[in-house]
């Protein structure tokens, strides 16, 4: 069973930085995609950044130039370095991975880690 263990959330002042980590266990092969979504209370879950096993990256426009996604395929771990954080980015950040399972892509989600940006 694939399990995702997130860490690195917390509280920070506007303009501050946090680094999120997510380690996937129970995977048979390198995840096709690893990434992060976020969800604020009352809002939908939105993509923040994702990274394919080959190295291509996607970011939501609002975080470009401030957030950096990276991954360690040997450890099945994905990271999200978040700089210049804004109060409106307060949310639960959820890790997700896509792995091949019996020839079909399957998504797995972490439980989320709270990020609070406030003065």
PDB file of N, CA and C in Angstrom:
ATOM      1  N   UNK A   1       0.842  -1.180   0.000  1.00  0.00           N
ATOM      2  CA  UNK A   1       0.000   0.000   0.000  1.00  0.00           C
ATOM      3  C   UNK A   1       0.887   1.244   0.000  1.00  0.00           C
ATOM      4  N   UNK A   2       0.603   2.150  -0.936  1.00  0.00           N
ATOM      5  CA  UNK A   2       1.385   3.383  -1.011  1.00  0.00           C
ATOM      6  C   UNK A   2       0.957   4.316   0.112  1.00  0.00           C
ATOM      7  N   UNK A   3       1.925   4.856   0.799  1.00  0.00           N
ATOM      8  CA  UNK A   3       1.651   5.845   1.845  1.00  0.00           C
ATOM      9  C   UNK A   3       2.563   7.046   1.627  1.00  0.00           C
ATOM     10  N   UNK A   4       2.012   8.225   1.918  1.00  0.00           N
ATOM     11  CA  UNK A   4       2.753   9.470   1.766  1.00  0.00           C
ATOM     12  C   UNK A   4       2.914  10.121   3.128  1.00  0.00           C
ATOM     13  N   UNK A   5       4.135  10.498   3.443  1.00  0.00           N
ATOM     14  CA  UNK A   5       4.425  11.138   4.720  1.00  0.00           C
ATOM     15  C   UNK A   5       4.925  12.551   4.451  1.00  0.00           C
ATOM     16  N   UNK A   6       4.107  13.536   4.828  1.00  0.00           N
ATOM     17  CA  UNK A   6       4.447  14.932   4.610  1.00  0.00           C
ATOM     18  C   UNK A   6       5.056  15.543   5.858  1.00  0.00           C
ATOM     19  N   UNK A   7       5.895  16.541   5.653  1.00  0.00           N
ATOM     20  CA  UNK A   7       6.458  17.281   6.770  1.00  0.00           C
ATOM     21  C   UNK A   7       6.869  18.657   6.294  1.00  0.00           C
ATOM     22  N   UNK A   8       7.096  19.559   7.248  1.00  0.00           N
ATOM     23  CA  UNK A   8       7.631  20.859   6.913  1.00  0.00           C
ATOM     24  C   UNK A   8       6.661  22.016   6.996  1.00  0.00           C
ATOM     25  N   UNK A   9       5.393  21.738   7.246  1.00  0.00           N
ATOM     26  CA  UNK A   9       4.448  22.830   7.373  1.00  0.00           C
ATOM     27  C   UNK A   9       4.672  23.600   8.666  1.00  0.00           C
ATOM     28  N   UNK A  10       3.937  24.695   8.821  1.00  0.00           N
ATOM     29  CA  UNK A  10       4.065  25.487  10.028  1.00  0.00           C
ATOM     30  C   UNK A  10       3.566  26.887   9.816  1.00  0.00           C
ATOM     31  N   UNK A  11       3.941  27.754  10.738  1.00  0.00           N
ATOM     32  CA  UNK A  11       3.537  29.156  10.680  1.00  0.00           C
ATOM     33  C   UNK A  11       4.736  30.022  10.338  1.00  0.00           C
ATOM     34  N   UNK A  12       4.494  31.012   9.509  1.00  0.00           N
ATOM     35  CA  UNK A  12       5.562  31.902   9.073  1.00  0.00           C
ATOM     36  C   UNK A  12       4.975  33.275   8.809  1.00  0.00           C
ATOM     37  N   UNK A  13       5.791  34.292   8.952  1.00  0.00           N
ATOM     38  CA  UNK A  13       5.344  35.639   8.655  1.00  0.00           C
ATOM     39  C   UNK A  13       5.347  35.878   7.146  1.00  0.00           C
ATOM     40  N   UNK A  14       4.555  36.838   6.691  1.00  0.00           N
ATOM     41  CA  UNK A  14       4.592  37.179   5.263  1.00  0.00           C
ATOM     42  C   UNK A  14       6.016  37.487   4.820  1.00  0.00           C
ATOM     43  N   UNK A  15       6.363  36.948   3.658  1.00  0.00           N
ATOM     44  CA  UNK A  15       7.721  37.092   3.155  1.00  0.00           C
ATOM     45  C   UNK A  15       8.664  35.996   3.587  1.00  0.00           C
ATOM     46  N   UNK A  16       8.199  35.152   4.481  1.00  0.00           N
ATOM     47  CA  UNK A  16       9.036  34.072   4.983  1.00  0.00           C
ATOM     48  C   UNK A  16       9.077  32.875   4.057  1.00  0.00           C
ATOM     49  N   UNK A  17       9.800  31.845   4.517  1.00  0.00           N
ATOM     50  CA  UNK A  17      10.007  30.651   3.700  1.00  0.00           C
ATOM     51  C   UNK A  17       9.694  29.388   4.500  1.00  0.00           C
ATOM     52  N   UNK A  18       9.269  28.384   3.784  1.00  0.00           N
ATOM     53  CA  UNK A  18       9.093  27.050   4.333  1.00  0.00           C
ATOM     54  C   UNK A  18       9.491  26.036   3.271  1.00  0.00           C
ATOM     55  N   UNK A  19       9.908  24.869   3.735  1.00  0.00           N
ATOM     56  CA  UNK A  19      10.233  23.781   2.817  1.00  0.00           C
ATOM     57  C   UNK A  19       9.417  22.558   3.214  1.00  0.00           C
ATOM     58  N   UNK A  20       8.590  22.105   2.293  1.00  0.00           N
ATOM     59  CA  UNK A  20       7.769  20.921   2.509  1.00  0.00           C
ATOM     60  C   UNK A  20       8.466  19.699   1.916  1.00  0.00           C
ATOM     61  N   UNK A  21       8.267  18.579   2.568  1.00  0.00           N
ATOM     62  CA  UNK A  21       8.790  17.311   2.081  1.00  0.00           C
ATOM     63  C   UNK A  21       7.676  16.272   2.078  1.00  0.00           C
ATOM     64  N   UNK A  22       7.769  15.348   1.155  1.00  0.00           N
ATOM     65  CA  UNK A  22       6.797  14.264   1.089  1.00  0.00           C
ATOM     66  C   UNK A  22       7.511  13.008   0.618  1.00  0.00           C
ATOM     67  N   UNK A  23       7.521  12.002   1.474  1.00  0.00           N
ATOM     68  CA  UNK A  23       8.180  10.741   1.144  1.00  0.00           C
ATOM     69  C   UNK A  23       7.124   9.677   0.870  1.00  0.00           C
ATOM     70  N   UNK A  24       7.248   9.008  -0.257  1.00  0.00           N
ATOM     71  CA  UNK A  24       6.321   7.943  -0.626  1.00  0.00           C
ATOM     72  C   UNK A  24       6.937   6.594  -0.288  1.00  0.00           C
ATOM     73  N   UNK A  25       6.180   5.775   0.409  1.00  0.00           N
ATOM     74  CA  UNK A  25       6.616   4.423   0.722  1.00  0.00           C
ATOM     75  C   UNK A  25       5.644   3.422   0.113  1.00  0.00           C
ATOM     76  N   UNK A  26       6.122   2.212  -0.075  1.00  0.00           N
ATOM     77  CA  UNK A  26       5.268   1.179  -0.629  1.00  0.00           C
ATOM     78  C   UNK A  26       5.138   1.228  -2.147  1.00  0.00           C
ATOM     79  N   UNK A  27       5.930   2.063  -2.809  1.00  0.00           N
ATOM     80  CA  UNK A  27       5.859   2.146  -4.265  1.00  0.00           C
ATOM     81  C   UNK A  27       6.797   1.114  -4.883  1.00  0.00           C
ATOM     82  N   UNK A  28       6.329   0.513  -5.971  1.00  0.00           N
ATOM     83  CA  UNK A  28       7.129  -0.500  -6.640  1.00  0.00           C
ATOM     84  C   UNK A  28       8.087   0.136  -7.649  1.00  0.00           C
ATOM     85  N   UNK A  29       7.634   1.225  -8.262  1.00  0.00           N
ATOM     86  CA  UNK A  29       8.429   1.903  -9.275  1.00  0.00           C
ATOM     87  C   UNK A  29       8.425   3.402  -8.993  1.00  0.00           C
ATOM     88  N   UNK A  30       9.358   4.093  -9.605  1.00  0.00           N
ATOM     89  CA  UNK A  30       9.439   5.544  -9.440  1.00  0.00           C
ATOM     90  C   UNK A  30       8.111   6.179  -9.849  1.00  0.00           C
ATOM     91  N   UNK A  31       7.528   7.001  -8.984  1.00  0.00           N
ATOM     92  CA  UNK A  31       6.267   7.650  -9.352  1.00  0.00           C
ATOM     93  C   UNK A  31       6.389   8.455 -10.639  1.00  0.00           C
ATOM     94  N   UNK A  32       5.362   8.369 -11.470  1.00  0.00           N
ATOM     95  CA  UNK A  32       5.351   9.118 -12.724  1.00  0.00           C
ATOM     96  C   UNK A  32       5.346  10.609 -12.434  1.00  0.00           C
ATOM     97  N   UNK A  33       4.520  11.001 -11.498  1.00  0.00           N
ATOM     98  CA  UNK A  33       4.369  12.403 -11.118  1.00  0.00           C
ATOM     99  C   UNK A  33       4.355  12.494  -9.601  1.00  0.00           C
ATOM    100  N   UNK A  34       4.993  13.522  -9.084  1.00  0.00           N
ATOM    101  CA  UNK A  34       4.911  13.871  -7.666  1.00  0.00           C
ATOM    102  C   UNK A  34       4.650  15.366  -7.597  1.00  0.00           C
ATOM    103  N   UNK A  35       3.782  15.762  -6.695  1.00  0.00           N
ATOM    104  CA  UNK A  35       3.475  17.174  -6.658  1.00  0.00           C
ATOM    105  C   UNK A  35       2.716  17.590  -5.424  1.00  0.00           C
ATOM    106  N   UNK A  36       2.271  18.838  -5.474  1.00  0.00           N
ATOM    107  CA  UNK A  36       1.593  19.455  -4.338  1.00  0.00           C
ATOM    108  C   UNK A  36       0.351  20.208  -4.800  1.00  0.00           C
ATOM    109  N   UNK A  37      -0.717  20.039  -4.038  1.00  0.00           N
ATOM    110  CA  UNK A  37      -1.913  20.846  -4.155  1.00  0.00           C
ATOM    111  C   UNK A  37      -2.063  21.609  -2.838  1.00  0.00           C
ATOM    112  N   UNK A  38      -2.952  22.567  -2.842  1.00  0.00           N
ATOM    113  CA  UNK A  38      -3.308  23.251  -1.598  1.00  0.00           C
ATOM    114  C   UNK A  38      -4.802  23.526  -1.573  1.00  0.00           C
ATOM    115  N   UNK A  39      -5.312  23.568  -0.352  1.00  0.00           N
ATOM    116  CA  UNK A  39      -6.741  23.808  -0.171  1.00  0.00           C
ATOM    117  C   UNK A  39      -6.949  24.671   1.059  1.00  0.00           C
ATOM    118  N   UNK A  40      -7.523  25.852   0.832  1.00  0.00           N
ATOM    119  CA  UNK A  40      -7.891  26.743   1.919  1.00  0.00           C
ATOM    120  C   UNK A  40      -9.339  26.458   2.315  1.00  0.00           C
ATOM    121  N   UNK A  41      -9.740  26.787   3.540  1.00  0.00           N
ATOM    122  CA  UNK A  41     -11.114  26.526   3.975  1.00  0.00           C
ATOM    123  C   UNK A  41     -12.126  27.154   3.017  1.00  0.00           C
ATOM    124  N   UNK A  42     -13.078  26.361   2.598  1.00  0.00           N
ATOM    125  CA  UNK A  42     -14.124  26.845   1.707  1.00  0.00           C
ATOM    126  C   UNK A  42     -13.733  26.921   0.252  1.00  0.00           C
ATOM    127  N   UNK A  43     -12.503  26.564  -0.047  1.00  0.00           N
ATOM    128  CA  UNK A  43     -12.033  26.638  -1.437  1.00  0.00           C
ATOM    129  C   UNK A  43     -11.806  25.247  -2.004  1.00  0.00           C
ATOM    130  N   UNK A  44     -11.683  25.202  -3.311  1.00  0.00           N
ATOM    131  CA  UNK A  44     -11.377  23.925  -3.950  1.00  0.00           C
ATOM    132  C   UNK A  44      -9.890  23.634  -3.804  1.00  0.00           C
ATOM    133  N   UNK A  45      -9.549  22.404  -4.097  1.00  0.00           N
ATOM    134  CA  UNK A  45      -8.150  21.980  -4.063  1.00  0.00           C
ATOM    135  C   UNK A  45      -7.495  22.401  -5.379  1.00  0.00           C
ATOM    136  N   UNK A  46      -6.414  23.133  -5.283  1.00  0.00           N
ATOM    137  CA  UNK A  46      -5.749  23.678  -6.470  1.00  0.00           C
ATOM    138  C   UNK A  46      -4.316  23.174  -6.578  1.00  0.00           C
ATOM    139  N   UNK A  47      -3.903  22.926  -7.797  1.00  0.00           N
ATOM    140  CA  UNK A  47      -2.524  22.522  -8.043  1.00  0.00           C
ATOM    141  C   UNK A  47      -1.564  23.670  -7.714  1.00  0.00           C
ATOM    142  N   UNK A  48      -0.474  23.343  -7.039  1.00  0.00           N
ATOM    143  CA  UNK A  48       0.577  24.313  -6.793  1.00  0.00           C
ATOM    144  C   UNK A  48       1.756  24.045  -7.733  1.00  0.00           C
ATOM    145  N   UNK A  49       2.239  22.808  -7.706  1.00  0.00           N
ATOM    146  CA  UNK A  49       3.381  22.439  -8.545  1.00  0.00           C
ATOM    147  C   UNK A  49       3.426  20.925  -8.669  1.00  0.00           C
ATOM    148  N   UNK A  50       3.973  20.448  -9.780  1.00  0.00           N
ATOM    149  CA  UNK A  50       4.143  19.014  -9.961  1.00  0.00           C
ATOM    150  C   UNK A  50       5.388  18.791 -10.810  1.00  0.00           C
ATOM    151  N   UNK A  51       5.934  17.598 -10.646  1.00  0.00           N
ATOM    152  CA  UNK A  51       7.175  17.286 -11.341  1.00  0.00           C
ATOM    153  C   UNK A  51       7.130  15.845 -11.825  1.00  0.00           C
ATOM    154  N   UNK A  52       7.419  15.657 -13.091  1.00  0.00           N
ATOM    155  CA  UNK A  52       7.438  14.322 -13.663  1.00  0.00           C
ATOM    156  C   UNK A  52       8.761  13.628 -13.350  1.00  0.00           C
ATOM    157  N   UNK A  53       8.760  12.317 -13.486  1.00  0.00           N
ATOM    158  CA  UNK A  53       9.966  11.555 -13.185  1.00  0.00           C
ATOM    159  C   UNK A  53      11.120  11.939 -14.089  1.00  0.00           C
ATOM    160  N   UNK A  54      10.815  12.427 -15.278  1.00  0.00           N
ATOM    161  CA  UNK A  54      11.855  12.839 -16.210  1.00  0.00           C
ATOM    162  C   UNK A  54      12.417  14.216 -15.953  1.00  0.00           C
ATOM    163  N   UNK A  55      11.762  14.973 -15.043  1.00  0.00           N
ATOM    164  CA  UNK A  55      12.305  16.268 -14.664  1.00  0.00           C
ATOM    165  C   UNK A  55      11.472  17.476 -15.061  1.00  0.00           C
ATOM    166  N   UNK A  56      10.464  17.300 -15.901  1.00  0.00           N
ATOM    167  CA  UNK A  56       9.653  18.454 -16.284  1.00  0.00           C
ATOM    168  C   UNK A  56       8.822  18.920 -15.098  1.00  0.00           C
ATOM    169  N   UNK A  57       8.602  20.220 -15.034  1.00  0.00           N
ATOM    170  CA  UNK A  57       7.916  20.832 -13.897  1.00  0.00           C
ATOM    171  C   UNK A  57       6.785  21.728 -14.374  1.00  0.00           C
ATOM    172  N   UNK A  58       5.731  21.781 -13.589  1.00  0.00           N
ATOM    173  CA  UNK A  58       4.633  22.710 -13.815  1.00  0.00           C
ATOM    174  C   UNK A  58       4.364  23.459 -12.522  1.00  0.00           C
ATOM    175  N   UNK A  59       4.093  24.752 -12.657  1.00  0.00           N
ATOM    176  CA  UNK A  59       3.747  25.587 -11.512  1.00  0.00           C
ATOM    177  C   UNK A  59       2.476  26.374 -11.842  1.00  0.00           C
ATOM    178  N   UNK A  60       1.668  26.617 -10.833  1.00  0.00           N
ATOM    179  CA  UNK A  60       0.601  27.586 -11.008  1.00  0.00           C
ATOM    180  C   UNK A  60       1.261  28.949 -11.157  1.00  0.00           C
ATOM    181  N   UNK A  61       0.682  29.808 -11.968  1.00  0.00           N
ATOM    182  CA  UNK A  61       1.322  31.089 -12.295  1.00  0.00           C
ATOM    183  C   UNK A  61       1.657  31.911 -11.049  1.00  0.00           C
ATOM    184  N   UNK A  62       0.797  31.843 -10.047  1.00  0.00           N
ATOM    185  CA  UNK A  62       0.969  32.717  -8.883  1.00  0.00           C
ATOM    186  C   UNK A  62       2.205  32.402  -8.053  1.00  0.00           C
ATOM    187  N   UNK A  63       2.801  31.227  -8.227  1.00  0.00           N
ATOM    188  CA  UNK A  63       3.965  30.864  -7.416  1.00  0.00           C
ATOM    189  C   UNK A  63       5.255  30.865  -8.216  1.00  0.00           C
ATOM    190  N   UNK A  64       5.163  31.078  -9.511  1.00  0.00           N
ATOM    191  CA  UNK A  64       6.370  31.048 -10.346  1.00  0.00           C
ATOM    192  C   UNK A  64       7.371  32.102  -9.876  1.00  0.00           C
ATOM    193  N   UNK A  65       8.613  31.698  -9.766  1.00  0.00           N
ATOM    194  CA  UNK A  65       9.665  32.589  -9.294  1.00  0.00           C
ATOM    195  C   UNK A  65       9.834  32.611  -7.793  1.00  0.00           C
ATOM    196  N   UNK A  66       8.875  32.021  -7.065  1.00  0.00           N
ATOM    197  CA  UNK A  66       8.964  32.001  -5.601  1.00  0.00           C
ATOM    198  C   UNK A  66       9.044  30.581  -5.047  1.00  0.00           C
ATOM    199  N   UNK A  67       8.375  29.649  -5.675  1.00  0.00           N
ATOM    200  CA  UNK A  67       8.353  28.257  -5.226  1.00  0.00           C
ATOM    201  C   UNK A  67       9.212  27.416  -6.171  1.00  0.00           C
ATOM    202  N   UNK A  68       9.855  26.409  -5.595  1.00  0.00           N
ATOM    203  CA  UNK A  68      10.641  25.478  -6.395  1.00  0.00           C
ATOM    204  C   UNK A  68      10.318  24.052  -5.978  1.00  0.00           C
ATOM    205  N   UNK A  69       9.920  23.250  -6.951  1.00  0.00           N
ATOM    206  CA  UNK A  69       9.671  21.839  -6.679  1.00  0.00           C
ATOM    207  C   UNK A  69      10.887  21.037  -7.113  1.00  0.00           C
ATOM    208  N   UNK A  70      11.211  20.024  -6.336  1.00  0.00           N
ATOM    209  CA  UNK A  70      12.300  19.132  -6.686  1.00  0.00           C
ATOM    210  C   UNK A  70      11.971  17.739  -6.149  1.00  0.00           C
ATOM    211  N   UNK A  71      12.674  16.760  -6.634  1.00  0.00           N
ATOM    212  CA  UNK A  71      12.420  15.405  -6.153  1.00  0.00           C
ATOM    213  C   UNK A  71      13.690  14.592  -6.152  1.00  0.00           C
ATOM    214  N   UNK A  72      13.720  13.620  -5.275  1.00  0.00           N
ATOM    215  CA  UNK A  72      14.814  12.659  -5.176  1.00  0.00           C
ATOM    216  C   UNK A  72      14.209  11.307  -5.534  1.00  0.00           C
ATOM    217  N   UNK A  73      14.424  10.877  -6.761  1.00  0.00           N
ATOM    218  CA  UNK A  73      13.794   9.636  -7.211  1.00  0.00           C
ATOM    219  C   UNK A  73      14.314   8.413  -6.448  1.00  0.00           C
ATOM    220  N   UNK A  74      15.552   8.473  -5.998  1.00  0.00           N
ATOM    221  CA  UNK A  74      16.099   7.340  -5.253  1.00  0.00           C
ATOM    222  C   UNK A  74      15.378   7.162  -3.914  1.00  0.00           C
ATOM    223  N   UNK A  75      14.875   8.257  -3.385  1.00  0.00           N
ATOM    224  CA  UNK A  75      14.173   8.216  -2.099  1.00  0.00           C
ATOM    225  C   UNK A  75      12.661   8.356  -2.253  1.00  0.00           C
ATOM    226  N   UNK A  76      12.189   8.474  -3.497  1.00  0.00           N
ATOM    227  CA  UNK A  76      10.747   8.688  -3.745  1.00  0.00           C
ATOM    228  C   UNK A  76      10.212   9.833  -2.896  1.00  0.00           C
ATOM    229  N   UNK A  77      10.961  10.912  -2.901  1.00  0.00           N
ATOM    230  CA  UNK A  77      10.624  12.071  -2.082  1.00  0.00           C
ATOM    231  C   UNK A  77      10.532  13.311  -2.964  1.00  0.00           C
ATOM    232  N   UNK A  78       9.520  14.123  -2.687  1.00  0.00           N
ATOM    233  CA  UNK A  78       9.347  15.384  -3.398  1.00  0.00           C
ATOM    234  C   UNK A  78       9.405  16.518  -2.385  1.00  0.00           C
ATOM    235  N   UNK A  79       9.963  17.624  -2.813  1.00  0.00           N
ATOM    236  CA  UNK A  79      10.131  18.790  -1.958  1.00  0.00           C
ATOM    237  C   UNK A  79       9.461  20.000  -2.600  1.00  0.00           C
ATOM    238  N   UNK A  80       9.063  20.931  -1.768  1.00  0.00           N
ATOM    239  CA  UNK A  80       8.542  22.205  -2.257  1.00  0.00           C
ATOM    240  C   UNK A  80       9.161  23.310  -1.402  1.00  0.00           C
ATOM    241  N   UNK A  81      10.073  24.045  -2.009  1.00  0.00           N
ATOM    242  CA  UNK A  81      10.667  25.207  -1.351  1.00  0.00           C
ATOM    243  C   UNK A  81       9.784  26.409  -1.645  1.00  0.00           C
ATOM    244  N   UNK A  82       9.272  27.031  -0.602  1.00  0.00           N
ATOM    245  CA  UNK A  82       8.354  28.147  -0.750  1.00  0.00           C
ATOM    246  C   UNK A  82       8.980  29.390  -0.151  1.00  0.00           C
ATOM    247  N   UNK A  83       9.213  30.372  -0.993  1.00  0.00           N
ATOM    248  CA  UNK A  83       9.805  31.638  -0.558  1.00  0.00           C
ATOM    249  C   UNK A  83       8.802  32.773  -0.756  1.00  0.00           C
ATOM    250  N   UNK A  84       9.053  33.864  -0.058  1.00  0.00           N
ATOM    251  CA  UNK A  84       8.199  35.055  -0.182  1.00  0.00           C
ATOM    252  C   UNK A  84       6.725  34.703  -0.025  1.00  0.00           C
ATOM    253  N   UNK A  85       6.424  33.965   0.993  1.00  0.00           N
ATOM    254  CA  UNK A  85       5.051  33.505   1.209  1.00  0.00           C
ATOM    255  C   UNK A  85       4.111  34.667   1.500  1.00  0.00           C
ATOM    256  N   UNK A  86       2.870  34.509   1.060  1.00  0.00           N
ATOM    257  CA  UNK A  86       1.844  35.535   1.205  1.00  0.00           C
ATOM    258  C   UNK A  86       0.724  35.029   2.101  1.00  0.00           C
ATOM    259  N   UNK A  87       0.028  35.907   2.798  1.00  0.00           N
ATOM    260  CA  UNK A  87      -1.064  35.459   3.674  1.00  0.00           C
ATOM    261  C   UNK A  87      -2.126  34.650   2.947  1.00  0.00           C
ATOM    262  N   UNK A  88      -2.394  35.015   1.702  1.00  0.00           N
ATOM    263  CA  UNK A  88      -3.428  34.297   0.949  1.00  0.00           C
ATOM    264  C   UNK A  88      -3.016  32.879   0.574  1.00  0.00           C
ATOM    265  N   UNK A  89      -1.767  32.524   0.855  1.00  0.00           N
ATOM    266  CA  UNK A  89      -1.307  31.168   0.590  1.00  0.00           C
ATOM    267  C   UNK A  89      -1.459  30.256   1.807  1.00  0.00           C
ATOM    268  N   UNK A  90      -2.082  30.773   2.832  1.00  0.00           N
ATOM    269  CA  UNK A  90      -2.432  29.938   3.972  1.00  0.00           C
ATOM    270  C   UNK A  90      -3.408  28.859   3.520  1.00  0.00           C
ATOM    271  N   UNK A  91      -3.036  27.616   3.778  1.00  0.00           N
ATOM    272  CA  UNK A  91      -3.845  26.493   3.306  1.00  0.00           C
ATOM    273  C   UNK A  91      -3.254  25.196   3.849  1.00  0.00           C
ATOM    274  N   UNK A  92      -3.997  24.132   3.646  1.00  0.00           N
ATOM    275  CA  UNK A  92      -3.444  22.791   3.828  1.00  0.00           C
ATOM    276  C   UNK A  92      -2.781  22.401   2.507  1.00  0.00           C
ATOM    277  N   UNK A  93      -1.541  22.012   2.589  1.00  0.00           N
ATOM    278  CA  UNK A  93      -0.798  21.601   1.401  1.00  0.00           C
ATOM    279  C   UNK A  93      -0.757  20.073   1.377  1.00  0.00           C
ATOM    280  N   UNK A  94      -1.203  19.523   0.260  1.00  0.00           N
ATOM    281  CA  UNK A  94      -1.328  18.073   0.137  1.00  0.00           C
ATOM    282  C   UNK A  94      -0.382  17.551  -0.937  1.00  0.00           C
ATOM    283  N   UNK A  95       0.329  16.527  -0.573  1.00  0.00           N
ATOM    284  CA  UNK A  95       1.214  15.852  -1.502  1.00  0.00           C
ATOM    285  C   UNK A  95       0.415  14.817  -2.294  1.00  0.00           C
ATOM    286  N   UNK A  96       0.768  14.645  -3.556  1.00  0.00           N
ATOM    287  CA  UNK A  96       0.149  13.575  -4.307  1.00  0.00           C
ATOM    288  C   UNK A  96       1.170  12.942  -5.250  1.00  0.00           C
ATOM    289  N   UNK A  97       0.953  11.688  -5.539  1.00  0.00           N
ATOM    290  CA  UNK A  97       1.807  10.979  -6.483  1.00  0.00           C
ATOM    291  C   UNK A  97       0.941  10.178  -7.438  1.00  0.00           C
ATOM    292  N   UNK A  98       1.458   9.965  -8.608  1.00  0.00           N
ATOM    293  CA  UNK A  98       0.829   9.094  -9.592  1.00  0.00           C
ATOM    294  C   UNK A  98       1.807   7.966  -9.869  1.00  0.00           C
ATOM    295  N   UNK A  99       1.322   6.741  -9.649  1.00  0.00           N
ATOM    296  CA  UNK A  99       2.171   5.572  -9.871  1.00  0.00           C
ATOM    297  C   UNK A  99       1.446   4.619 -10.803  1.00  0.00           C
ATOM    298  N   UNK A 100       2.217   3.793 -11.470  1.00  0.00           N
ATOM    299  CA  UNK A 100       1.631   2.766 -12.317  1.00  0.00           C
ATOM    300  C   UNK A 100       1.313   1.563 -11.452  1.00  0.00           C
ATOM    301  N   UNK A 101       0.078   1.080 -11.564  1.00  0.00           N
ATOM    302  CA  UNK A 101      -0.392  -0.044 -10.775  1.00  0.00           C
ATOM    303  C   UNK A 101      -1.123  -0.997 -11.718  1.00  0.00           C
ATOM    304  N   UNK A 102      -0.506  -2.160 -11.965  1.00  0.00           N
ATOM    305  CA  UNK A 102      -1.092  -3.107 -12.919  1.00  0.00           C
ATOM    306  C   UNK A 102      -1.331  -2.451 -14.272  1.00  0.00           C
ATOM    307  N   UNK A 103      -0.398  -1.609 -14.678  1.00  0.00           N
ATOM    308  CA  UNK A 103      -0.486  -0.985 -15.985  1.00  0.00           C
ATOM    309  C   UNK A 103      -1.378   0.236 -16.050  1.00  0.00           C
ATOM    310  N   UNK A 104      -1.975   0.623 -14.931  1.00  0.00           N
ATOM    311  CA  UNK A 104      -2.856   1.780 -14.905  1.00  0.00           C
ATOM    312  C   UNK A 104      -2.304   2.839 -13.966  1.00  0.00           C
ATOM    313  N   UNK A 105      -2.410   4.131 -14.358  1.00  0.00           N
ATOM    314  CA  UNK A 105      -1.976   5.185 -13.430  1.00  0.00           C
ATOM    315  C   UNK A 105      -2.950   5.311 -12.265  1.00  0.00           C
ATOM    316  N   UNK A 106      -2.403   5.456 -11.105  1.00  0.00           N
ATOM    317  CA  UNK A 106      -3.228   5.573  -9.905  1.00  0.00           C
ATOM    318  C   UNK A 106      -2.687   6.703  -9.038  1.00  0.00           C
ATOM    319  N   UNK A 107      -3.608   7.504  -8.499  1.00  0.00           N
ATOM    320  CA  UNK A 107      -3.230   8.626  -7.647  1.00  0.00           C
ATOM    321  C   UNK A 107      -3.290   8.250  -6.177  1.00  0.00           C
ATOM    322  N   UNK A 108      -2.349   8.787  -5.422  1.00  0.00           N
ATOM    323  CA  UNK A 108      -2.375   8.662  -3.967  1.00  0.00           C
ATOM    324  C   UNK A 108      -2.149  10.040  -3.359  1.00  0.00           C
ATOM    325  N   UNK A 109      -2.806  10.265  -2.224  1.00  0.00           N
ATOM    326  CA  UNK A 109      -2.757  11.570  -1.577  1.00  0.00           C
ATOM    327  C   UNK A 109      -2.263  11.448  -0.151  1.00  0.00           C
ATOM    328  N   UNK A 110      -1.519  12.466   0.276  1.00  0.00           N
ATOM    329  CA  UNK A 110      -1.169  12.565   1.676  1.00  0.00           C
ATOM    330  C   UNK A 110      -2.297  13.206   2.461  1.00  0.00           C
ATOM    331  N   UNK A 111      -2.128  13.253   3.757  1.00  0.00           N
ATOM    332  CA  UNK A 111      -3.170  13.822   4.613  1.00  0.00           C
ATOM    333  C   UNK A 111      -3.089  15.342   4.689  1.00  0.00           C
ATOM    334  N   UNK A 112      -1.979  15.898   4.269  1.00  0.00           N
ATOM    335  CA  UNK A 112      -1.853  17.347   4.235  1.00  0.00           C
ATOM    336  C   UNK A 112      -1.061  17.897   5.406  1.00  0.00           C
ATOM    337  N   UNK A 113      -0.438  19.022   5.154  1.00  0.00           N
ATOM    338  CA  UNK A 113       0.289  19.730   6.193  1.00  0.00           C
ATOM    339  C   UNK A 113      -0.115  21.206   6.151  1.00  0.00           C
ATOM    340  N   UNK A 114      -0.398  21.757   7.306  1.00  0.00           N
ATOM    341  CA  UNK A 114      -0.907  23.131   7.379  1.00  0.00           C
ATOM    342  C   UNK A 114       0.221  24.132   7.196  1.00  0.00           C
ATOM    343  N   UNK A 115      -0.025  25.094   6.344  1.00  0.00           N
ATOM    344  CA  UNK A 115       0.873  26.238   6.173  1.00  0.00           C
ATOM    345  C   UNK A 115       0.077  27.492   6.505  1.00  0.00           C
ATOM    346  N   UNK A 116       0.556  28.251   7.470  1.00  0.00           N
ATOM    347  CA  UNK A 116      -0.120  29.479   7.894  1.00  0.00           C
ATOM    348  C   UNK A 116       0.839  30.644   7.719  1.00  0.00           C
ATOM    349  N   UNK A 117       0.398  31.622   6.956  1.00  0.00           N
ATOM    350  CA  UNK A 117       1.219  32.818   6.707  1.00  0.00           C
ATOM    351  C   UNK A 117       0.493  33.997   7.331  1.00  0.00           C
ATOM    352  N   UNK A 118       1.052  34.516   8.389  1.00  0.00           N
ATOM    353  CA  UNK A 118       0.367  35.561   9.140  1.00  0.00           C
ATOM    354  C   UNK A 118       1.369  36.368   9.945  1.00  0.00           C
ATOM    355  N   UNK A 119       1.066  37.657  10.080  1.00  0.00           N
ATOM    356  CA  UNK A 119       1.911  38.510  10.912  1.00  0.00           C
ATOM    357  C   UNK A 119       1.365  38.553  12.339  1.00  0.00           C
TER     358      UNK A 119
END
